[in-house]
């Protein structure tokens, strides 16, 4: 990550200079850098975008109501220009590019922690579909950082031995029976 100046507490969003994940941090209206805030990272599904996933989760307005920091990064475009996360053996690096989204997202969290007042015990990942897979990946790879994950229509590794978290991570899995894509 490139260096970034300290956060302006009056700003509603601040760009994070990360070429892999064009991202803005949304701060609650009453942000106060003397208080620690939970951080929620919202991850879009395969072929979706931060704007689309925000449109149905609505976390930006909830951040103001419930006082948390919020980021919704964008994945990497594949050879067809489709945004994706290289999450697990099940999803979704179909081109075999090997992009290390796990490390990039960890760097994103670290940058937010360096720039804002984040409660290190309350860092959460929420993901839809491919973003749910990536949320699981973050829990598997970075259980020392991630407190909990929420996956809507996602899953973890096909090979369960690939996930050996160093600490417990709370998980909320939401899945419908009508989903014919992720079963």
Protein backbone atom coordinates (compact mmCIF):
# COMPACT_ATOMS: atom_id res chain seq x y z
CA UNK A 1 0.00 0.00 0.00
CA UNK A 2 1.07 3.51 -0.68
CA UNK A 3 1.40 5.88 2.25
CA UNK A 4 -1.66 7.90 3.14
CA UNK A 5 -2.05 11.01 5.26
CA UNK A 6 -3.96 10.73 8.52
CA UNK A 7 -7.74 10.67 8.33
CA UNK A 8 -9.73 13.88 8.30
CA UNK A 9 -12.39 13.24 10.97
CA UNK A 10 -14.80 15.59 9.19
CA UNK A 11 -14.62 13.63 5.93
CA UNK A 12 -17.39 11.14 5.17
CA UNK A 13 -15.21 8.98 2.95
CA UNK A 14 -11.48 8.84 2.38
CA UNK A 15 -9.80 7.17 -0.60
CA UNK A 16 -7.28 4.45 0.16
CA UNK A 17 -4.39 4.38 -2.32
CA UNK A 18 -4.35 0.66 -3.16
CA UNK A 19 -4.24 -0.10 -6.89
CA UNK A 20 -5.54 -3.65 -6.40
CA UNK A 21 -8.61 -2.61 -4.41
CA UNK A 22 -9.93 0.85 -5.18
CA UNK A 23 -11.54 1.61 -1.85
CA UNK A 24 -13.04 4.35 0.27
CA UNK A 25 -13.42 4.30 4.04
CA UNK A 26 -16.80 5.48 5.24
CA UNK A 27 -16.74 7.07 8.68
CA UNK A 28 -19.80 7.58 10.87
CA UNK A 29 -21.17 11.13 11.10
CA UNK A 30 -19.88 11.56 14.65
CA UNK A 31 -16.45 9.96 14.11
CA UNK A 32 -14.13 10.74 17.03
CA UNK A 33 -10.54 9.48 16.85
CA UNK A 34 -10.41 9.14 20.66
CA UNK A 35 -12.94 6.29 20.44
CA UNK A 36 -12.31 2.85 18.89
CA UNK A 37 -14.74 1.70 16.19
CA UNK A 38 -15.61 -1.68 14.72
CA UNK A 39 -14.53 -2.16 11.10
CA UNK A 40 -16.75 -3.93 8.58
CA UNK A 41 -15.32 -4.97 5.21
CA UNK A 42 -18.07 -5.75 2.67
CA UNK A 43 -17.07 -7.96 -0.29
CA UNK A 44 -19.06 -8.18 -3.52
CA UNK A 45 -19.87 -11.34 -5.45
CA UNK A 46 -18.34 -12.56 -8.72
CA UNK A 47 -19.12 -10.09 -11.48
CA UNK A 48 -20.68 -7.63 -9.07
CA UNK A 49 -19.21 -4.42 -7.62
CA UNK A 50 -18.92 -2.48 -4.37
CA UNK A 51 -21.83 -0.22 -5.41
CA UNK A 52 -24.14 -3.16 -6.15
CA UNK A 53 -23.40 -5.04 -2.92
CA UNK A 54 -23.82 -1.79 -0.95
CA UNK A 55 -27.18 -1.23 -2.63
CA UNK A 56 -28.66 -4.35 -1.08
CA UNK A 57 -26.74 -4.49 2.22
CA UNK A 58 -27.08 -0.76 2.95
CA UNK A 59 -24.15 -0.67 5.35
CA UNK A 60 -23.24 2.94 4.63
CA UNK A 61 -26.34 4.31 6.36
CA UNK A 62 -26.05 1.70 9.12
CA UNK A 63 -22.50 2.90 9.80
CA UNK A 64 -23.95 6.28 10.74
CA UNK A 65 -26.65 4.76 12.95
CA UNK A 66 -24.48 2.18 14.71
CA UNK A 67 -21.07 3.93 14.66
CA UNK A 68 -18.74 1.68 12.71
CA UNK A 69 -16.13 2.15 10.00
CA UNK A 70 -16.99 0.57 6.69
CA UNK A 71 -15.14 -0.29 3.49
CA UNK A 72 -16.36 -2.05 0.34
CA UNK A 73 -13.34 -2.81 -1.83
CA UNK A 74 -13.49 -3.97 -5.42
CA UNK A 75 -11.90 -7.21 -6.55
CA UNK A 76 -9.62 -7.69 -9.52
CA UNK A 77 -10.95 -7.83 -13.10
CA UNK A 78 -10.36 -11.17 -14.81
CA UNK A 79 -9.57 -11.49 -18.53
CA UNK A 80 -13.24 -10.74 -19.32
CA UNK A 81 -13.25 -7.65 -17.08
CA UNK A 82 -15.36 -9.43 -14.44
CA UNK A 83 -14.49 -8.47 -10.86
CA UNK A 84 -13.60 -11.44 -8.66
CA UNK A 85 -11.86 -12.54 -5.47
CA UNK A 86 -9.30 -15.36 -5.53
CA UNK A 87 -10.89 -16.91 -2.47
CA UNK A 88 -10.71 -20.70 -2.28
CA UNK A 89 -10.24 -23.80 -4.39
CA UNK A 90 -13.98 -23.61 -5.12
CA UNK A 91 -14.22 -19.98 -6.20
CA UNK A 92 -13.33 -17.84 -8.28
CA UNK A 93 -9.89 -17.50 -9.89
CA UNK A 94 -11.13 -19.10 -13.11
CA UNK A 95 -8.20 -17.67 -15.14
CA UNK A 96 -5.62 -19.10 -12.73
CA UNK A 97 -4.01 -15.69 -12.18
CA UNK A 98 -3.14 -16.49 -8.56
CA UNK A 99 -3.89 -12.97 -7.31
CA UNK A 100 -3.22 -12.81 -3.56
CA UNK A 101 -6.41 -11.14 -2.34
CA UNK A 102 -5.91 -12.53 1.17
CA UNK A 103 -2.76 -10.47 1.67
CA UNK A 104 -4.18 -7.44 -0.16
CA UNK A 105 -7.26 -7.40 2.07
CA UNK A 106 -5.11 -7.82 5.18
CA UNK A 107 -3.04 -4.82 4.02
CA UNK A 108 -6.27 -2.89 3.50
CA UNK A 109 -7.33 -3.65 7.09
CA UNK A 110 -3.88 -2.68 8.37
CA UNK A 111 -4.04 0.59 6.46
CA UNK A 112 -7.44 1.42 7.92
CA UNK A 113 -6.07 0.58 11.39
CA UNK A 114 -3.09 2.87 10.80
CA UNK A 115 -5.32 5.71 9.59
CA UNK A 116 -8.41 5.43 11.79
CA UNK A 117 -9.23 4.42 15.34
CA UNK A 118 -10.21 0.75 14.87
CA UNK A 119 -11.06 -1.65 17.67
CA UNK A 120 -8.75 -4.60 16.87
CA UNK A 121 -11.17 -7.03 18.52
CA UNK A 122 -14.05 -6.01 16.23
CA UNK A 123 -12.92 -6.50 12.63
CA UNK A 124 -15.56 -8.23 10.51
CA UNK A 125 -15.88 -9.43 6.92
CA UNK A 126 -19.27 -9.68 5.22
CA UNK A 127 -19.53 -11.17 1.76
CA UNK A 128 -22.04 -12.17 -0.87
CA UNK A 129 -21.34 -15.24 -3.00
CA UNK A 130 -17.67 -14.96 -4.12
CA UNK A 131 -17.32 -12.32 -1.38
CA UNK A 132 -18.63 -14.89 1.10
CA UNK A 133 -15.95 -17.34 -0.06
CA UNK A 134 -13.36 -14.58 0.41
CA UNK A 135 -14.70 -13.80 3.89
CA UNK A 136 -14.15 -17.44 4.84
CA UNK A 137 -10.65 -17.25 3.37
CA UNK A 138 -9.89 -14.23 5.57
CA UNK A 139 -11.10 -16.15 8.64
CA UNK A 140 -8.93 -19.13 7.69
CA UNK A 141 -5.81 -17.10 6.91
CA UNK A 142 -6.07 -14.24 9.41
CA UNK A 143 -7.96 -15.46 12.47
CA UNK A 144 -5.63 -13.32 14.57
CA UNK A 145 -7.21 -10.24 12.93
CA UNK A 146 -10.74 -11.26 11.90
CA UNK A 147 -13.28 -11.57 14.74
CA UNK A 148 -16.22 -12.82 12.67
CA UNK A 149 -17.47 -13.34 9.13
CA UNK A 150 -20.89 -13.32 7.52
CA UNK A 151 -21.35 -15.23 4.28
CA UNK A 152 -24.48 -14.87 2.16
CA UNK A 153 -24.53 -17.64 -0.47
CA UNK A 154 -20.83 -18.38 -0.09
CA UNK A 155 -18.84 -21.26 1.36
CA UNK A 156 -15.39 -22.22 2.53
CA UNK A 157 -12.75 -24.45 0.95
CA UNK A 158 -13.83 -27.63 -0.89
CA UNK A 159 -10.83 -29.21 0.83
CA UNK A 160 -11.46 -28.47 4.54
CA UNK A 161 -7.82 -29.17 5.44
CA UNK A 162 -6.96 -25.87 3.68
CA UNK A 163 -8.57 -23.93 6.54
CA UNK A 164 -6.72 -24.10 9.84
CA UNK A 165 -7.41 -20.83 11.66
CA UNK A 166 -5.00 -19.90 14.45
CA UNK A 167 -7.91 -18.84 16.70
CA UNK A 168 -11.70 -19.20 16.80
CA UNK A 169 -13.64 -16.97 14.40
CA UNK A 170 -17.41 -16.57 14.66
CA UNK A 171 -19.32 -17.38 11.45
CA UNK A 172 -22.84 -16.60 10.27
CA UNK A 173 -23.68 -18.54 7.11
CA UNK A 174 -26.87 -17.59 5.26
CA UNK A 175 -27.94 -19.73 2.34
CA UNK A 176 -31.22 -20.34 0.53
CA UNK A 177 -32.42 -23.63 -0.88
CA UNK A 178 -33.26 -22.05 -4.25
CA UNK A 179 -29.62 -21.18 -5.01
CA UNK A 180 -28.60 -23.39 -7.94
CA UNK A 181 -25.18 -21.77 -8.38
CA UNK A 182 -23.62 -22.26 -4.94
CA UNK A 183 -25.02 -25.48 -3.45
